[in-house]
Each structure stands twice: as C-alpha cells, then as structure tokens.
Amino acid sequence: MQHLFSLLLAMTLIQATASQAAEPLSPKNDFAFESQDGTLAISFGSQRIADYVYRDEKIPRPYFSNR
C-alpha cells in the first residue's frame, strides 16, 4: 500500500506542476485513477496510459503494466 501512496503522491505533484503551465488543465486532459481488482488504472484525458498492479497471483511484487 505504501507503493500506491507514493504513486498517487507523485501523480498529484505532476498534476500540480502542470496546473502552473500557461494552458490551464481541463477535464479532458487531466489524470484519472480507477481502482479495479488488484489494479489501479491510470489515464490521462481519455487515454489509458498504465496500470499499477499491486496484487497478482503470479508476480509477488507490485509493478507497472502498459497493457
């Protein structure tokens, strides 16, 4: 769970830095997170960019997957 917290903190910092840019963020170009069974789906705008897998029967450690 500590890895998940670190990931969310990093994404929040990236998003906060991006909001300082000249072009303001809108819902269509913002990060979104969706929790699924053992996975956190990460999207930017409408595009899914990665999955953070924290529970897998075959791999005993958390990892990123780009599907």
N, C-alpha and C. Protein backbone atom coordinates (compact mmCIF):
# COMPACT_ATOMS: atom_id res chain seq x y z
N MET A 1 0.81 -1.18 0.00
CA MET A 1 0.00 0.00 0.00
C MET A 1 0.86 1.25 0.00
N GLN A 2 2.07 1.16 0.55
CA GLN A 2 2.97 2.31 0.57
C GLN A 2 3.36 2.69 -0.85
N HIS A 3 3.52 1.71 -1.74
CA HIS A 3 3.85 1.99 -3.13
C HIS A 3 2.70 2.74 -3.80
N LEU A 4 1.49 2.36 -3.51
CA LEU A 4 0.32 3.01 -4.07
C LEU A 4 0.25 4.46 -3.60
N PHE A 5 0.52 4.71 -2.34
CA PHE A 5 0.52 6.07 -1.81
C PHE A 5 1.60 6.90 -2.50
N SER A 6 2.79 6.33 -2.70
CA SER A 6 3.88 7.04 -3.37
C SER A 6 3.49 7.40 -4.80
N LEU A 7 2.85 6.46 -5.48
CA LEU A 7 2.41 6.70 -6.85
C LEU A 7 1.39 7.83 -6.90
N LEU A 8 0.40 7.79 -6.03
CA LEU A 8 -0.61 8.84 -6.01
C LEU A 8 -0.01 10.20 -5.66
N LEU A 9 0.94 10.23 -4.76
CA LEU A 9 1.61 11.47 -4.40
C LEU A 9 2.37 12.03 -5.59
N ALA A 10 3.09 11.17 -6.30
CA ALA A 10 3.85 11.61 -7.48
C ALA A 10 2.92 12.16 -8.55
N MET A 11 1.82 11.47 -8.80
CA MET A 11 0.87 11.94 -9.81
C MET A 11 0.25 13.28 -9.41
N THR A 12 -0.01 13.46 -8.13
CA THR A 12 -0.56 14.72 -7.65
C THR A 12 0.44 15.86 -7.85
N LEU A 13 1.71 15.59 -7.57
CA LEU A 13 2.74 16.61 -7.77
C LEU A 13 2.90 16.96 -9.24
N ILE A 14 2.85 15.97 -10.10
CA ILE A 14 2.93 16.22 -11.54
C ILE A 14 1.75 17.07 -11.99
N GLN A 15 0.58 16.72 -11.51
CA GLN A 15 -0.62 17.46 -11.88
C GLN A 15 -0.56 18.89 -11.36
N ALA A 16 -0.07 19.09 -10.16
CA ALA A 16 0.04 20.44 -9.60
C ALA A 16 1.03 21.27 -10.39
N THR A 17 2.13 20.66 -10.82
CA THR A 17 3.12 21.35 -11.63
C THR A 17 2.53 21.72 -12.98
N ALA A 18 1.77 20.82 -13.57
CA ALA A 18 1.15 21.08 -14.87
C ALA A 18 0.14 22.22 -14.77
N SER A 19 -0.50 22.35 -13.63
CA SER A 19 -1.50 23.41 -13.49
C SER A 19 -0.85 24.79 -13.44
N GLN A 20 0.44 24.84 -13.21
CA GLN A 20 1.18 26.09 -13.21
C GLN A 20 1.50 26.54 -14.63
N ALA A 21 1.32 25.67 -15.61
CA ALA A 21 1.64 25.97 -17.01
C ALA A 21 0.69 27.02 -17.56
N ALA A 22 1.04 27.55 -18.73
CA ALA A 22 0.24 28.60 -19.35
C ALA A 22 -1.16 28.12 -19.70
N GLU A 23 -1.29 26.88 -20.16
CA GLU A 23 -2.60 26.35 -20.53
C GLU A 23 -3.23 25.66 -19.33
N PRO A 24 -4.37 26.14 -18.88
CA PRO A 24 -4.99 25.51 -17.71
C PRO A 24 -5.48 24.10 -18.03
N LEU A 25 -5.49 23.25 -17.01
CA LEU A 25 -5.98 21.89 -17.19
C LEU A 25 -7.49 21.89 -17.30
N SER A 26 -7.97 21.01 -18.10
CA SER A 26 -9.41 20.83 -18.21
C SER A 26 -9.70 19.35 -17.99
N PRO A 27 -10.95 18.97 -17.78
CA PRO A 27 -11.26 17.56 -17.54
C PRO A 27 -10.79 16.63 -18.65
N LYS A 28 -10.67 17.12 -19.87
CA LYS A 28 -10.27 16.23 -20.96
C LYS A 28 -8.77 15.94 -20.96
N ASN A 29 -7.95 16.75 -20.28
CA ASN A 29 -6.51 16.47 -20.22
C ASN A 29 -6.01 16.44 -18.78
N ASP A 30 -6.72 15.68 -17.96
CA ASP A 30 -6.40 15.55 -16.55
C ASP A 30 -6.17 14.07 -16.22
N PHE A 31 -5.38 13.80 -15.19
CA PHE A 31 -5.16 12.42 -14.77
C PHE A 31 -6.42 11.87 -14.11
N ALA A 32 -6.66 10.57 -14.32
CA ALA A 32 -7.78 9.89 -13.68
C ALA A 32 -7.29 8.53 -13.21
N PHE A 33 -7.82 8.08 -12.09
CA PHE A 33 -7.44 6.80 -11.50
C PHE A 33 -8.71 5.98 -11.27
N GLU A 34 -8.63 4.70 -11.60
CA GLU A 34 -9.78 3.81 -11.39
C GLU A 34 -9.27 2.52 -10.77
N SER A 35 -9.79 2.23 -9.60
CA SER A 35 -9.38 1.02 -8.90
C SER A 35 -10.17 -0.17 -9.40
N GLN A 36 -9.45 -1.22 -9.76
CA GLN A 36 -10.06 -2.46 -10.20
C GLN A 36 -9.49 -3.57 -9.33
N ASP A 37 -9.82 -4.80 -9.61
CA ASP A 37 -9.39 -5.93 -8.79
C ASP A 37 -7.87 -6.08 -8.79
N GLY A 38 -7.20 -5.54 -7.77
CA GLY A 38 -5.75 -5.65 -7.64
C GLY A 38 -4.96 -4.73 -8.54
N THR A 39 -5.65 -3.79 -9.21
CA THR A 39 -5.01 -2.92 -10.19
C THR A 39 -5.54 -1.49 -10.04
N LEU A 40 -4.66 -0.53 -10.28
CA LEU A 40 -5.05 0.86 -10.35
C LEU A 40 -4.82 1.31 -11.79
N ALA A 41 -5.90 1.58 -12.53
CA ALA A 41 -5.80 2.03 -13.91
C ALA A 41 -5.53 3.53 -13.91
N ILE A 42 -4.52 3.97 -14.67
CA ILE A 42 -4.13 5.37 -14.73
C ILE A 42 -4.38 5.87 -16.15
N SER A 43 -5.17 6.94 -16.25
CA SER A 43 -5.49 7.53 -17.55
C SER A 43 -5.12 9.00 -17.55
N PHE A 44 -4.81 9.50 -18.74
CA PHE A 44 -4.59 10.92 -18.93
C PHE A 44 -5.52 11.36 -20.03
N GLY A 45 -6.47 12.21 -19.68
CA GLY A 45 -7.52 12.54 -20.64
C GLY A 45 -8.37 11.30 -20.85
N SER A 46 -8.57 10.95 -22.10
CA SER A 46 -9.36 9.75 -22.39
C SER A 46 -8.48 8.55 -22.71
N GLN A 47 -7.15 8.71 -22.62
CA GLN A 47 -6.23 7.63 -22.97
C GLN A 47 -5.68 6.94 -21.72
N ARG A 48 -5.82 5.63 -21.67
CA ARG A 48 -5.26 4.84 -20.57
C ARG A 48 -3.76 4.70 -20.80
N ILE A 49 -2.95 5.10 -19.82
CA ILE A 49 -1.51 5.11 -20.03
C ILE A 49 -0.78 4.00 -19.29
N ALA A 50 -1.34 3.52 -18.19
CA ALA A 50 -0.65 2.47 -17.44
C ALA A 50 -1.59 1.83 -16.43
N ASP A 51 -1.17 0.68 -15.96
CA ASP A 51 -1.84 0.01 -14.85
C ASP A 51 -0.80 -0.22 -13.77
N TYR A 52 -1.14 0.09 -12.54
CA TYR A 52 -0.29 -0.22 -11.39
C TYR A 52 -0.91 -1.46 -10.75
N VAL A 53 -0.22 -2.58 -10.89
CA VAL A 53 -0.73 -3.85 -10.38
C VAL A 53 -0.10 -4.09 -9.01
N TYR A 54 -0.94 -4.14 -7.98
CA TYR A 54 -0.44 -4.34 -6.62
C TYR A 54 -0.83 -5.69 -6.05
N ARG A 55 -1.61 -6.45 -6.80
CA ARG A 55 -1.97 -7.80 -6.36
C ARG A 55 -2.05 -8.70 -7.60
N ASP A 56 -1.13 -9.66 -7.66
CA ASP A 56 -1.08 -10.58 -8.79
C ASP A 56 -0.71 -11.96 -8.25
N GLU A 57 -1.42 -12.97 -8.67
CA GLU A 57 -1.16 -14.33 -8.17
C GLU A 57 0.18 -14.87 -8.66
N LYS A 58 0.64 -14.44 -9.83
CA LYS A 58 1.88 -14.99 -10.40
C LYS A 58 3.12 -14.17 -10.04
N ILE A 59 2.96 -12.85 -9.88
CA ILE A 59 4.10 -11.98 -9.58
C ILE A 59 3.89 -11.40 -8.18
N PRO A 60 4.78 -11.71 -7.23
CA PRO A 60 4.54 -11.34 -5.82
C PRO A 60 4.86 -9.90 -5.45
N ARG A 61 5.24 -9.06 -6.38
CA ARG A 61 5.58 -7.67 -6.06
C ARG A 61 4.73 -6.73 -6.93
N PRO A 62 4.54 -5.49 -6.49
CA PRO A 62 3.79 -4.54 -7.32
C PRO A 62 4.60 -4.16 -8.55
N TYR A 63 3.91 -3.83 -9.64
CA TYR A 63 4.60 -3.43 -10.87
C TYR A 63 3.66 -2.59 -11.75
N PHE A 64 4.28 -1.87 -12.70
CA PHE A 64 3.52 -1.12 -13.70
C PHE A 64 3.37 -1.96 -14.95
N SER A 65 2.23 -1.82 -15.58
CA SER A 65 1.97 -2.52 -16.83
C SER A 65 1.35 -1.51 -17.79
N ASN A 66 1.78 -1.59 -19.04
CA ASN A 66 1.15 -0.71 -20.02
C ASN A 66 0.17 -1.46 -20.90
N ARG A 67 -0.26 -2.60 -20.43
CA ARG A 67 -1.24 -3.47 -21.04
C ARG A 67 -0.71 -3.93 -22.32
